[in-house]
Amino acid sequence: MTAALLFGLGVFGVLRRRNAILLLMAVELMLNAVNLVLVTAGTVTGQVFALFVIVLAAAEVGVGLALVLRLYRLRTTVAVDEIDLAEKH
């Protein structure tokens, strides 16, 4: 029940947020909900998979924040609705 609520909040955050950093935080919330399910399953396999999800989340944060910083330097905004993906000359 708690994991489903956390996952639902994460999905809501991904669908409603316009700020790229808040989108990354919502994805992290969804990954933590999956971790909660894996750890409470009670098996060693679930705990190993949870460890891999934690490693994946750490890599996602590093790459995601680097992309957000680069995007801000190029477009001076992190609002995903306002980003023009056409190349500027």
C-alpha atoms as a PDB file:
ATOM      1  CA  MET A   1       0.000   0.000   0.000  1.00  0.00           C
ATOM      2  CA  THR A   2       2.742   2.462   0.928  1.00  0.00           C
ATOM      3  CA  ALA A   3       4.811   1.577  -2.137  1.00  0.00           C
ATOM      4  CA  ALA A   4       1.801   2.057  -4.393  1.00  0.00           C
ATOM      5  CA  LEU A   5       1.154   5.467  -2.844  1.00  0.00           C
ATOM      6  CA  LEU A   6       4.798   6.495  -3.310  1.00  0.00           C
ATOM      7  CA  PHE A   7       4.793   5.270  -6.893  1.00  0.00           C
ATOM      8  CA  GLY A   8       1.538   7.096  -7.598  1.00  0.00           C
ATOM      9  CA  LEU A   9       2.966  10.324  -6.183  1.00  0.00           C
ATOM     10  CA  GLY A  10       6.012   9.877  -8.387  1.00  0.00           C
ATOM     11  CA  VAL A  11       3.891   9.364 -11.496  1.00  0.00           C
ATOM     12  CA  PHE A  12       1.821  12.416 -10.582  1.00  0.00           C
ATOM     13  CA  GLY A  13       5.024  14.429 -10.174  1.00  0.00           C
ATOM     14  CA  VAL A  14       6.344  13.344 -13.561  1.00  0.00           C
ATOM     15  CA  LEU A  15       3.082  14.221 -15.271  1.00  0.00           C
ATOM     16  CA  ARG A  16       2.485  17.565 -13.547  1.00  0.00           C
ATOM     17  CA  ARG A  17       5.885  19.140 -12.946  1.00  0.00           C
ATOM     18  CA  ARG A  18       7.443  21.584 -15.358  1.00  0.00           C
ATOM     19  CA  ASN A  19      10.797  21.943 -13.634  1.00  0.00           C
ATOM     20  CA  ALA A  20      13.404  19.410 -14.791  1.00  0.00           C
ATOM     21  CA  ILE A  21      14.888  19.022 -11.305  1.00  0.00           C
ATOM     22  CA  LEU A  22      11.489  18.233  -9.828  1.00  0.00           C
ATOM     23  CA  LEU A  23      10.972  15.676 -12.605  1.00  0.00           C
ATOM     24  CA  LEU A  24      14.179  13.952 -11.529  1.00  0.00           C
ATOM     25  CA  MET A  25      12.984  13.960  -7.920  1.00  0.00           C
ATOM     26  CA  ALA A  26       9.695  12.356  -8.983  1.00  0.00           C
ATOM     27  CA  VAL A  27      11.580   9.610 -10.833  1.00  0.00           C
ATOM     28  CA  GLU A  28      13.643   9.018  -7.689  1.00  0.00           C
ATOM     29  CA  LEU A  29      10.421   8.673  -5.705  1.00  0.00           C
ATOM     30  CA  MET A  30       9.213   5.997  -8.115  1.00  0.00           C
ATOM     31  CA  LEU A  31      12.528   4.143  -7.862  1.00  0.00           C
ATOM     32  CA  ASN A  32      12.310   4.222  -4.060  1.00  0.00           C
ATOM     33  CA  ALA A  33       8.789   2.778  -4.233  1.00  0.00           C
ATOM     34  CA  VAL A  34      10.157  -0.125  -6.279  1.00  0.00           C
ATOM     35  CA  ASN A  35      12.951  -0.560  -3.724  1.00  0.00           C
ATOM     36  CA  LEU A  36      10.387  -0.750  -0.942  1.00  0.00           C
ATOM     37  CA  VAL A  37       8.574  -3.569  -2.730  1.00  0.00           C
ATOM     38  CA  LEU A  38      11.799  -5.436  -3.460  1.00  0.00           C
ATOM     39  CA  VAL A  39      13.128  -5.220   0.102  1.00  0.00           C
ATOM     40  CA  THR A  40       9.842  -6.142   1.778  1.00  0.00           C
ATOM     41  CA  ALA A  41       9.529  -9.226  -0.443  1.00  0.00           C
ATOM     42  CA  GLY A  42      11.869 -10.882   2.046  1.00  0.00           C
ATOM     43  CA  THR A  43      14.090 -12.714  -0.401  1.00  0.00           C
ATOM     44  CA  VAL A  44      17.788 -12.233  -0.924  1.00  0.00           C
ATOM     45  CA  THR A  45      17.161 -11.848  -4.649  1.00  0.00           C
ATOM     46  CA  GLY A  46      14.838  -8.914  -4.003  1.00  0.00           C
ATOM     47  CA  GLN A  47      17.438  -7.248  -1.824  1.00  0.00           C
ATOM     48  CA  VAL A  48      20.116  -7.706  -4.497  1.00  0.00           C
ATOM     49  CA  PHE A  49      17.805  -6.167  -7.092  1.00  0.00           C
ATOM     50  CA  ALA A  50      17.129  -3.292  -4.679  1.00  0.00           C
ATOM     51  CA  LEU A  51      20.873  -2.686  -4.472  1.00  0.00           C
ATOM     52  CA  PHE A  52      21.043  -2.515  -8.268  1.00  0.00           C
ATOM     53  CA  VAL A  53      18.155  -0.043  -8.292  1.00  0.00           C
ATOM     54  CA  ILE A  54      20.026   2.135  -5.790  1.00  0.00           C
ATOM     55  CA  VAL A  55      23.103   2.087  -8.045  1.00  0.00           C
ATOM     56  CA  LEU A  56      20.914   2.930 -11.039  1.00  0.00           C
ATOM     57  CA  ALA A  57      19.345   5.830  -9.127  1.00  0.00           C
ATOM     58  CA  ALA A  58      22.763   7.225  -8.236  1.00  0.00           C
ATOM     59  CA  ALA A  59      23.867   7.088 -11.861  1.00  0.00           C
ATOM     60  CA  GLU A  60      20.582   8.675 -12.962  1.00  0.00           C
ATOM     61  CA  VAL A  61      21.080  11.563 -10.565  1.00  0.00           C
ATOM     62  CA  GLY A  62      24.609  12.207 -11.803  1.00  0.00           C
ATOM     63  CA  VAL A  63      23.724  12.123 -15.486  1.00  0.00           C
ATOM     64  CA  GLY A  64      20.389  13.894 -14.998  1.00  0.00           C
ATOM     65  CA  LEU A  65      21.857  16.805 -13.064  1.00  0.00           C
ATOM     66  CA  ALA A  66      24.651  17.174 -15.604  1.00  0.00           C
ATOM     67  CA  LEU A  67      22.050  17.368 -18.380  1.00  0.00           C
ATOM     68  CA  VAL A  68      19.951  19.882 -16.449  1.00  0.00           C
ATOM     69  CA  LEU A  69      22.987  22.107 -15.820  1.00  0.00           C
ATOM     70  CA  ARG A  70      23.978  21.974 -19.481  1.00  0.00           C
ATOM     71  CA  LEU A  71      20.414  22.714 -20.525  1.00  0.00           C
ATOM     72  CA  TYR A  72      20.294  25.709 -18.198  1.00  0.00           C
ATOM     73  CA  ARG A  73      23.538  27.083 -19.597  1.00  0.00           C
ATOM     74  CA  LEU A  74      22.285  26.742 -23.170  1.00  0.00           C
ATOM     75  CA  ARG A  75      18.650  27.810 -22.772  1.00  0.00           C
ATOM     76  CA  THR A  76      18.707  29.748 -19.427  1.00  0.00           C
ATOM     77  CA  THR A  77      15.701  27.810 -18.150  1.00  0.00           C
ATOM     78  CA  VAL A  78      14.947  24.405 -16.657  1.00  0.00           C
ATOM     79  CA  ALA A  79      11.207  24.613 -17.300  1.00  0.00           C
ATOM     80  CA  VAL A  80      10.569  21.742 -19.691  1.00  0.00           C
ATOM     81  CA  ASP A  81       7.562  23.478 -21.282  1.00  0.00           C
ATOM     82  CA  GLU A  82       9.625  26.513 -22.281  1.00  0.00           C
ATOM     83  CA  ILE A  83      12.569  24.678 -23.827  1.00  0.00           C
ATOM     84  CA  ASP A  84      12.935  25.106 -27.566  1.00  0.00           C
ATOM     85  CA  LEU A  85      14.796  22.093 -28.890  1.00  0.00           C
ATOM     86  CA  ALA A  86      15.538  23.709 -32.256  1.00  0.00           C
ATOM     87  CA  GLU A  87      19.211  24.529 -32.588  1.00  0.00           C
ATOM     88  CA  LYS A  88      20.084  28.199 -32.208  1.00  0.00           C
ATOM     89  CA  HIS A  89      22.589  29.741 -34.583  1.00  0.00           C
END
